[in-house]
N, C-alpha and C. Protein backbone atom coordinates (compact mmCIF):
# COMPACT_ATOMS: atom_id res chain seq x y z
N MET A 1 281.79 -11.35 77.26
CA MET A 1 282.58 -10.11 77.53
C MET A 1 283.13 -9.94 78.97
N ILE A 2 282.14 -10.49 79.78
CA ILE A 2 282.46 -10.20 81.22
C ILE A 2 283.70 -11.24 81.37
N ASN A 3 283.58 -12.31 81.06
CA ASN A 3 284.93 -13.07 81.24
C ASN A 3 285.98 -12.76 80.79
N ARG A 4 285.96 -11.80 79.71
CA ARG A 4 287.31 -11.38 79.19
C ARG A 4 287.84 -10.33 79.97
N GLU A 5 287.05 -9.60 80.48
CA GLU A 5 287.38 -8.40 81.49
C GLU A 5 288.15 -9.03 82.60
N ILE A 6 287.63 -9.88 83.09
CA ILE A 6 287.82 -10.37 84.54
C ILE A 6 289.28 -11.19 84.09
N THR A 7 289.37 -11.67 82.88
CA THR A 7 290.68 -12.29 82.50
C THR A 7 291.81 -11.39 82.42
N TYR A 8 291.04 -10.23 81.57
CA TYR A 8 291.96 -9.13 81.22
C TYR A 8 292.46 -8.08 82.67
N ASP A 9 291.46 -8.08 83.66
CA ASP A 9 291.89 -7.43 84.92
C ASP A 9 292.83 -8.44 85.62
N THR A 10 292.68 -9.66 85.50
CA THR A 10 293.52 -10.58 86.30
C THR A 10 294.88 -10.43 85.69
N LYS A 11 295.04 -10.52 84.25
CA LYS A 11 296.46 -10.38 83.60
C LYS A 11 296.86 -9.17 84.09
N SER A 12 296.04 -7.94 83.79
CA SER A 12 296.74 -6.52 84.24
C SER A 12 297.06 -6.60 85.58
N ARG A 13 296.33 -7.25 86.41
CA ARG A 13 296.93 -6.88 87.92
C ARG A 13 298.17 -7.77 88.10
N LYS A 14 298.29 -8.83 87.45
CA LYS A 14 299.37 -9.83 87.80
C LYS A 14 300.60 -8.81 87.18
N SER A 15 300.23 -8.08 85.87
CA SER A 15 301.51 -7.54 85.28
C SER A 15 301.63 -6.33 86.33
N ILE A 16 301.01 -5.60 86.73
CA ILE A 16 301.09 -4.38 87.40
C ILE A 16 301.87 -4.95 88.99
N ILE A 17 301.46 -5.86 89.40
CA ILE A 17 302.06 -6.47 90.71
C ILE A 17 303.60 -6.80 90.35
N LEU A 18 303.80 -7.66 89.21
CA LEU A 18 305.28 -8.08 88.64
C LEU A 18 306.01 -6.63 88.47
N PHE A 19 305.37 -5.89 87.76
CA PHE A 19 306.16 -4.68 87.53
C PHE A 19 306.37 -3.60 88.89
N ILE A 20 305.44 -3.50 89.93
CA ILE A 20 305.83 -3.07 91.14
C ILE A 20 307.03 -3.76 91.99
N ILE A 21 306.79 -5.22 91.88
CA ILE A 21 307.78 -6.20 92.62
C ILE A 21 309.32 -5.83 91.88
N SER A 22 309.16 -5.74 90.47
CA SER A 22 310.26 -5.46 89.94
C SER A 22 311.23 -4.26 90.29
N ILE A 23 310.48 -3.02 90.55
CA ILE A 23 310.78 -1.68 90.69
C ILE A 23 311.39 -1.89 92.06
N ILE A 24 310.70 -2.74 93.00
CA ILE A 24 311.08 -2.74 94.50
C ILE A 24 312.41 -3.34 94.44
N VAL A 25 312.49 -4.53 93.96
CA VAL A 25 313.74 -5.34 93.90
C VAL A 25 314.98 -4.49 93.27
N LEU A 26 314.63 -3.69 92.26
CA LEU A 26 315.70 -2.90 91.62
C LEU A 26 315.90 -1.82 92.28
N THR A 27 314.99 -1.09 93.08
CA THR A 27 315.42 0.03 93.81
C THR A 27 316.30 -0.60 95.28
N ALA A 28 315.92 -1.75 95.74
CA ALA A 28 316.67 -2.36 96.76
C ALA A 28 318.22 -2.70 96.31
N ILE A 29 318.18 -3.02 94.96
CA ILE A 29 319.70 -3.58 94.46
C ILE A 29 320.40 -2.18 94.60
N ILE A 30 319.94 -1.22 93.92
CA ILE A 30 320.47 0.12 93.60
C ILE A 30 320.71 0.60 95.05
N LEU A 31 319.83 0.44 96.30
CA LEU A 31 320.18 1.19 97.65
C LEU A 31 321.33 0.48 98.02
N GLY A 32 321.31 -0.75 97.80
CA GLY A 32 322.24 -1.91 98.52
C GLY A 32 323.75 -1.40 98.09
N GLY A 33 323.53 -1.37 96.65
CA GLY A 33 324.98 -0.90 95.94
C GLY A 33 325.51 0.37 96.53
N ALA A 34 324.73 1.30 96.71
CA ALA A 34 324.76 2.53 97.28
C ALA A 34 325.63 2.54 98.61
N ILE A 35 324.93 1.88 99.33
CA ILE A 35 325.10 1.55 100.93
C ILE A 35 326.53 0.64 101.01
N TYR A 36 326.88 -0.13 99.99
CA TYR A 36 327.72 -1.08 99.93
C TYR A 36 329.06 -0.07 99.60
N TYR A 37 328.98 0.80 98.57
CA TYR A 37 329.88 1.42 97.86
C TYR A 37 330.19 2.77 99.00
N LYS A 38 329.29 3.34 99.87
CA LYS A 38 329.58 4.56 100.52
C LYS A 38 330.56 3.66 102.06
N GLN A 39 330.10 2.35 102.38
CA GLN A 39 330.84 1.68 103.41
C GLN A 39 332.27 1.43 102.87
N SER A 40 332.44 0.99 101.87
CA SER A 40 333.69 0.55 101.27
C SER A 40 334.58 1.78 101.04
N ALA A 41 333.91 2.90 100.92
CA ALA A 41 334.81 4.31 100.63
C ALA A 41 335.16 4.82 101.94
N LYS A 42 334.35 4.61 103.05
CA LYS A 42 334.82 4.87 104.50
C LYS A 42 336.09 4.01 104.84
N ASN A 43 335.96 2.89 104.55
CA ASN A 43 336.98 1.89 104.99
C ASN A 43 338.30 2.15 104.34
N LYS A 44 338.15 2.75 103.20
CA LYS A 44 339.25 3.16 102.47
C LYS A 44 339.92 4.29 102.38
N THR A 45 339.81 4.93 103.80
CA THR A 45 340.41 6.16 104.20
C THR A 45 341.93 6.24 103.49
N PRO A 46 342.16 7.43 103.04
CA PRO A 46 343.46 7.30 102.73
C PRO A 46 344.48 7.32 103.66
N LYS A 47 345.34 6.25 103.37
CA LYS A 47 346.38 5.94 104.50
C LYS A 47 347.56 6.86 104.31
N GLU A 48 348.47 7.02 105.15
CA GLU A 48 349.28 8.08 105.29
C GLU A 48 350.29 7.45 104.30
N LYS A 49 350.83 8.20 103.52
CA LYS A 49 351.99 7.80 102.62
C LYS A 49 353.36 7.57 103.49
N GLN A 50 353.76 6.46 103.34
CA GLN A 50 354.89 6.14 104.05
C GLN A 50 356.07 6.82 103.44
N VAL A 51 356.68 7.45 104.16
CA VAL A 51 357.86 8.21 103.45
C VAL A 51 359.33 7.94 103.67
N THR A 52 359.99 7.14 102.89
CA THR A 52 361.17 6.92 103.48
C THR A 52 361.97 7.77 103.15
N LYS A 53 362.86 8.27 104.11
CA LYS A 53 363.95 9.28 104.06
C LYS A 53 365.15 8.44 103.85
N VAL A 54 365.55 9.00 102.68
CA VAL A 54 367.07 8.39 102.06
C VAL A 54 368.25 9.46 102.55
N THR A 55 369.12 9.07 103.40
CA THR A 55 370.08 10.08 103.71
C THR A 55 371.31 9.26 103.07
N PRO A 56 372.19 10.34 102.27
CA PRO A 56 373.29 9.82 101.69
C PRO A 56 374.34 9.26 102.59
N THR A 57 375.13 8.30 102.44
CA THR A 57 376.20 7.95 103.55
C THR A 57 377.37 8.14 102.68
N ASN A 58 378.35 8.39 103.42
CA ASN A 58 379.50 8.45 102.73
C ASN A 58 380.21 7.11 102.95
N SER A 59 380.44 6.41 101.78
CA SER A 59 381.03 5.13 102.04
C SER A 59 382.57 5.24 102.05
N PRO A 60 382.93 4.38 102.79
CA PRO A 60 384.44 4.64 103.28
C PRO A 60 385.17 4.48 101.90
N THR A 61 386.18 5.36 101.74
CA THR A 61 387.09 5.43 100.50
C THR A 61 388.13 4.31 101.10
N PRO A 62 388.27 3.34 100.20
CA PRO A 62 389.48 2.34 100.51
C PRO A 62 390.88 3.07 100.62
N THR A 63 391.57 2.90 101.52
CA THR A 63 392.85 3.49 101.85
C THR A 63 393.61 2.62 101.30
N PRO A 64 394.85 2.80 100.45
CA PRO A 64 395.57 2.50 99.98
C PRO A 64 396.51 1.69 101.09
N THR A 65 396.71 0.35 101.03
CA THR A 65 397.78 0.00 102.11
C THR A 65 399.28 0.37 101.67
N LYS A 66 399.89 0.94 102.54
CA LYS A 66 401.12 1.52 102.45
C LYS A 66 402.17 0.08 102.37
N VAL A 67 402.95 -0.15 101.31
CA VAL A 67 403.79 -1.03 101.31
C VAL A 67 404.93 -0.73 102.12
N GLU A 68 405.56 -1.73 103.14
CA GLU A 68 406.62 -1.55 104.02
C GLU A 68 407.72 -1.66 103.19
N ILE A 69 408.71 -0.81 103.28
CA ILE A 69 409.77 -0.59 102.34
C ILE A 69 411.24 -0.93 103.40
N ASP A 70 412.17 -1.80 102.73
CA ASP A 70 413.06 -2.11 103.59
C ASP A 70 414.05 -1.11 103.29
N LYS A 71 414.22 -0.08 104.33
CA LYS A 71 415.16 1.00 103.91
C LYS A 71 416.64 0.73 104.04
N SER A 72 417.05 -0.28 104.46
CA SER A 72 418.39 -0.87 104.32
C SER A 72 418.59 -1.53 103.42
N LYS A 73 417.75 -1.81 102.56
CA LYS A 73 418.22 -2.77 101.41
C LYS A 73 418.99 -2.07 100.33
N TYR A 74 419.10 -0.71 100.32
CA TYR A 74 420.27 -0.20 99.50
C TYR A 74 421.11 0.61 100.12
N SER A 75 422.51 0.72 99.77
CA SER A 75 423.37 1.58 100.57
C SER A 75 423.54 2.99 99.91
N ILE A 76 423.75 4.02 100.74
CA ILE A 76 423.52 5.34 100.11
C ILE A 76 425.09 6.06 100.36
N LYS A 77 425.63 6.49 99.36
CA LYS A 77 426.98 7.24 99.48
C LYS A 77 426.52 8.66 99.57
N LEU A 78 426.94 9.32 100.54
CA LEU A 78 426.42 10.56 100.99
C LEU A 78 427.83 11.41 100.63
N LEU A 79 427.56 12.51 99.86
CA LEU A 79 428.51 13.61 99.34
C LEU A 79 428.07 15.05 99.74
N ASN A 80 429.06 15.95 100.43
CA ASN A 80 428.66 17.32 100.76
C ASN A 80 429.14 18.14 99.80
N GLY A 81 428.16 18.65 99.01
CA GLY A 81 428.15 19.82 98.10
C GLY A 81 427.71 21.07 98.62
N SER A 82 427.47 21.17 99.79
CA SER A 82 426.99 22.25 100.34
C SER A 82 427.80 23.46 100.70
N GLY A 83 429.05 22.92 100.97
CA GLY A 83 430.29 23.95 101.50
C GLY A 83 430.11 24.13 103.01
N ILE A 84 429.00 23.67 103.66
CA ILE A 84 428.85 23.63 105.05
C ILE A 84 429.47 22.45 105.79
N ALA A 85 430.72 22.84 106.57
CA ALA A 85 431.40 21.76 107.22
C ALA A 85 430.57 20.93 108.25
N GLY A 86 430.57 19.57 107.95
CA GLY A 86 429.78 18.72 108.90
C GLY A 86 428.28 18.60 108.28
N GLU A 87 428.00 19.06 107.37
CA GLU A 87 426.66 18.74 106.74
C GLU A 87 426.31 17.58 106.41
N ALA A 88 427.21 16.78 105.75
CA ALA A 88 427.03 15.45 105.38
C ALA A 88 426.94 14.44 106.70
N GLY A 89 427.66 14.84 107.73
CA GLY A 89 427.69 14.02 108.94
C GLY A 89 426.30 14.06 109.58
N LYS A 90 425.54 15.18 109.36
CA LYS A 90 424.24 15.56 110.02
C LYS A 90 423.08 14.68 109.13
N VAL A 91 423.52 14.74 107.69
CA VAL A 91 422.59 13.93 107.19
C VAL A 91 422.74 12.50 107.26
N LYS A 92 423.91 12.16 107.34
CA LYS A 92 423.95 10.78 107.92
C LYS A 92 423.26 10.05 109.10
N LYS A 93 423.42 11.14 110.03
CA LYS A 93 422.67 10.62 111.28
C LYS A 93 421.04 10.69 110.95
N TYR A 94 420.33 11.75 110.30
CA TYR A 94 419.28 11.77 109.97
C TYR A 94 418.86 10.54 109.23
N LEU A 95 419.66 10.20 108.33
CA LEU A 95 419.18 9.01 107.36
C LEU A 95 419.18 7.78 108.18
N GLU A 96 420.20 7.40 108.81
CA GLU A 96 420.53 6.32 109.88
C GLU A 96 419.35 6.05 110.86
N ASP A 97 419.05 7.33 111.53
CA ASP A 97 417.97 7.27 112.53
C ASP A 97 416.65 6.76 111.86
N GLU A 98 416.40 6.95 110.65
CA GLU A 98 415.24 6.51 109.88
C GLU A 98 415.24 5.06 109.56
N GLY A 99 416.43 4.56 109.44
CA GLY A 99 416.76 3.06 108.94
C GLY A 99 417.43 2.86 107.82
N TYR A 100 418.03 3.82 107.07
CA TYR A 100 418.65 3.81 105.94
C TYR A 100 420.01 3.58 106.29
N THR A 101 420.53 2.65 105.34
CA THR A 101 422.02 2.49 105.39
C THR A 101 422.97 3.56 104.62
N VAL A 102 424.04 3.97 105.29
CA VAL A 102 424.97 5.00 104.69
C VAL A 102 426.13 4.16 104.43
N SER A 103 426.68 3.99 103.38
CA SER A 103 427.79 3.45 103.49
C SER A 103 429.16 4.29 103.19
N SER A 104 429.05 5.23 103.01
CA SER A 104 430.29 6.41 103.17
C SER A 104 429.74 7.66 102.93
N VAL A 105 430.63 8.62 103.75
CA VAL A 105 430.56 10.13 103.64
C VAL A 105 431.75 10.66 103.11
N GLY A 106 431.70 11.75 102.43
CA GLY A 106 432.54 12.30 101.54
C GLY A 106 432.29 13.86 101.20
N ASN A 107 433.12 14.36 100.47
CA ASN A 107 433.02 15.60 99.68
C ASN A 107 432.65 15.30 98.35
N ALA A 108 431.75 16.45 98.04
CA ALA A 108 431.41 16.27 96.53
C ALA A 108 432.57 16.89 95.56
N ASP A 109 432.43 16.97 94.33
CA ASP A 109 433.41 17.21 93.28
C ASP A 109 433.47 18.95 93.26
N LYS A 110 432.42 19.58 93.95
CA LYS A 110 432.43 21.17 94.26
C LYS A 110 431.43 21.34 95.35
N PHE A 111 431.62 22.57 95.89
CA PHE A 111 430.70 22.87 97.11
C PHE A 111 429.74 24.16 96.83
N ASP A 112 429.26 24.17 95.48
CA ASP A 112 428.43 24.89 95.12
C ASP A 112 426.88 24.64 94.81
N TYR A 113 426.47 23.28 95.34
CA TYR A 113 425.24 22.87 94.84
C TYR A 113 424.27 23.74 95.84
N GLU A 114 423.27 24.20 95.17
CA GLU A 114 422.09 24.76 95.57
C GLU A 114 421.26 23.91 96.32
N LYS A 115 420.96 23.00 95.33
CA LYS A 115 419.95 22.12 95.78
C LYS A 115 420.49 20.76 96.13
N SER A 116 420.01 19.71 96.53
CA SER A 116 420.60 18.46 96.88
C SER A 116 420.18 17.68 95.54
N VAL A 117 421.05 16.64 95.37
CA VAL A 117 421.01 15.82 94.01
C VAL A 117 420.86 14.53 94.49
N LEU A 118 419.87 13.74 93.86
CA LEU A 118 420.19 12.33 94.03
C LEU A 118 420.02 11.53 92.83
N GLU A 119 421.39 10.71 92.87
CA GLU A 119 421.61 9.98 91.56
C GLU A 119 421.40 8.45 92.12
N VAL A 120 420.72 7.83 91.20
CA VAL A 120 420.62 6.35 91.61
C VAL A 120 420.87 5.58 90.43
N LYS A 121 421.14 4.29 90.67
CA LYS A 121 421.08 3.09 89.41
C LYS A 121 419.81 2.79 89.00
N GLU A 122 419.64 2.30 87.64
CA GLU A 122 418.39 1.99 87.24
C GLU A 122 417.85 0.85 87.68
N ASP A 123 418.29 0.24 88.27
CA ASP A 123 417.75 -1.00 89.02
C ASP A 123 417.13 -1.01 90.27
N ILE A 124 417.17 0.49 90.91
CA ILE A 124 416.67 0.81 92.42
C ILE A 124 415.09 0.62 92.21
N ASP A 125 414.59 -0.06 93.15
CA ASP A 125 412.97 -0.09 93.42
C ASP A 125 412.37 1.32 93.54
N LYS A 126 411.45 1.45 92.79
CA LYS A 126 410.76 2.59 92.49
C LYS A 126 410.14 3.00 93.77
N ASP A 127 409.36 2.23 94.36
CA ASP A 127 408.76 2.55 95.99
C ASP A 127 409.93 3.15 97.10
N PHE A 128 411.26 2.43 96.97
CA PHE A 128 412.33 2.65 97.78
C PHE A 128 412.77 3.89 97.62
N LEU A 129 412.82 4.34 96.09
CA LEU A 129 413.41 5.87 95.63
C LEU A 129 412.44 6.87 95.89
N THR A 130 411.08 6.59 95.70
CA THR A 130 409.79 7.57 96.18
C THR A 130 410.12 7.91 97.45
N GLU A 131 410.07 6.83 98.58
CA GLU A 131 410.31 7.20 100.07
C GLU A 131 411.34 7.90 100.43
N LEU A 132 412.41 7.55 99.68
CA LEU A 132 413.89 8.20 100.03
C LEU A 132 413.71 9.63 99.45
N GLU A 133 413.17 9.99 98.43
CA GLU A 133 413.05 11.37 97.87
C GLU A 133 411.81 12.20 98.68
N SER A 134 410.99 11.45 99.27
CA SER A 134 410.04 12.23 100.22
C SER A 134 410.82 12.51 101.41
N PHE A 135 411.44 11.49 102.11
CA PHE A 135 412.12 11.72 103.40
C PHE A 135 413.14 12.81 103.34
N ILE A 136 413.89 12.95 101.98
CA ILE A 136 415.02 13.99 102.02
C ILE A 136 414.20 15.20 101.78
N SER A 137 413.14 15.37 101.05
CA SER A 137 412.43 16.67 100.76
C SER A 137 411.96 17.16 102.10
N GLU A 138 411.89 16.46 103.11
CA GLU A 138 411.54 17.22 104.44
C GLU A 138 412.30 17.94 104.87
N LYS A 139 413.70 18.01 104.77
CA LYS A 139 414.71 18.75 105.19
C LYS A 139 415.41 19.61 104.20
N TYR A 140 415.65 19.17 102.98
CA TYR A 140 416.43 19.71 101.97
C TYR A 140 415.78 19.81 100.70
N SER A 141 416.06 20.77 100.07
CA SER A 141 415.36 21.25 98.66
C SER A 141 416.21 20.10 97.86
N LEU A 142 415.26 19.26 97.02
CA LEU A 142 415.75 18.42 96.24
C LEU A 142 415.57 18.79 94.66
N GLU A 143 416.65 18.55 93.91
CA GLU A 143 416.41 18.70 92.41
C GLU A 143 415.30 17.91 92.18
N ASN A 144 414.30 18.57 91.21
CA ASN A 144 413.08 18.21 90.54
C ASN A 144 413.29 16.64 90.12
N ALA A 145 414.34 16.43 89.19
CA ALA A 145 414.51 15.19 88.69
C ALA A 145 415.89 14.43 89.28
N THR A 146 415.54 13.24 89.32
CA THR A 146 416.34 12.35 90.12
C THR A 146 417.10 11.77 88.82
N GLU A 147 418.64 12.01 88.96
CA GLU A 147 419.45 11.24 87.96
C GLU A 147 419.19 9.72 88.05
N ILE A 148 419.22 9.22 86.84
CA ILE A 148 419.17 7.51 86.67
C ILE A 148 420.47 7.17 86.02
N LEU A 149 421.15 6.52 86.75
CA LEU A 149 422.56 6.14 86.07
C LEU A 149 422.61 4.76 85.71
N LYS A 150 423.50 4.41 84.78
CA LYS A 150 423.53 2.90 84.22
C LYS A 150 424.16 2.28 85.36
N GLY A 151 423.92 0.83 85.58
CA GLY A 151 424.55 0.35 86.41
C GLY A 151 423.38 -0.29 87.47
N SER A 152 423.89 -0.96 88.68
CA SER A 152 422.98 -1.41 89.71
C SER A 152 423.48 -1.26 90.98
N GLY A 153 422.52 -0.99 92.01
CA GLY A 153 422.52 -0.82 93.22
C GLY A 153 423.19 0.22 94.00
N GLU A 154 423.60 1.30 93.21
CA GLU A 154 424.20 2.44 94.02
C GLU A 154 423.41 3.83 94.30
N ILE A 155 423.07 4.25 95.24
CA ILE A 155 422.36 5.66 95.43
C ILE A 155 423.45 6.64 96.01
N ILE A 156 423.63 7.64 95.25
CA ILE A 156 424.39 8.80 95.79
C ILE A 156 423.75 10.09 95.82
N LEU A 157 423.84 10.41 97.12
CA LEU A 157 423.14 11.87 97.64
C LEU A 157 423.85 12.77 97.97
N ILE A 158 424.13 14.04 97.01
CA ILE A 158 424.70 14.89 97.23
C ILE A 158 424.04 16.05 97.91
N ILE A 159 424.37 16.94 99.02
CA ILE A 159 423.70 17.43 99.76
C ILE A 159 424.00 19.02 99.26
N GLY A 160 423.02 19.85 98.97
CA GLY A 160 423.11 21.19 98.66
C GLY A 160 422.81 22.11 99.84
N LYS A 161 423.20 23.25 99.49
CA LYS A 161 423.12 24.31 100.49
C LYS A 161 421.44 24.69 101.07
N ASP A 162 420.55 24.54 99.88
CA ASP A 162 419.12 25.05 100.32
C ASP A 162 418.38 24.05 101.03
N LYS A 163 417.87 24.49 102.20
CA LYS A 163 416.86 23.67 103.00
C LYS A 163 415.61 23.79 102.80
N ALA A 164 414.76 22.63 103.00
CA ALA A 164 413.37 22.56 102.67
C ALA A 164 412.54 23.80 103.57
N GLU A 165 411.68 24.40 103.24
CA GLU A 165 410.84 25.51 103.68
C GLU A 165 409.75 24.94 104.39
């Protein structure tokens, strides 16, 4: 029996030592993990968030290129319908100074036109017509609708009494 006790003591000592070593190793692993976690948490301090400020910019709006119009392309027959002597002559100079061609100046069939009237043939260039209407409207009240006549190449401008405001 003594022999067994010794053997039992030796086995139990070995078991106890092995158990204690296991606890020490396990404690070391846990402590090491905790220290590692704290160190890595310190190094991971929250970085400042990069805030990119987006400022809206006005993108340039493309400006339509204005088409150059040959103002001398068509001739204008100028008629005085205002009843004011010499008014057609003034308009002729006004148009020619701007580059338009005035083929003739005369009197209209009557002298009681309140607003100026523009009569054009159907083949007149639309850009030319728009430019002419705009130019005339700077000084004279122009009827709302330009009269379109059959035929080609002629523009008739009858000057009325009303001036542009």
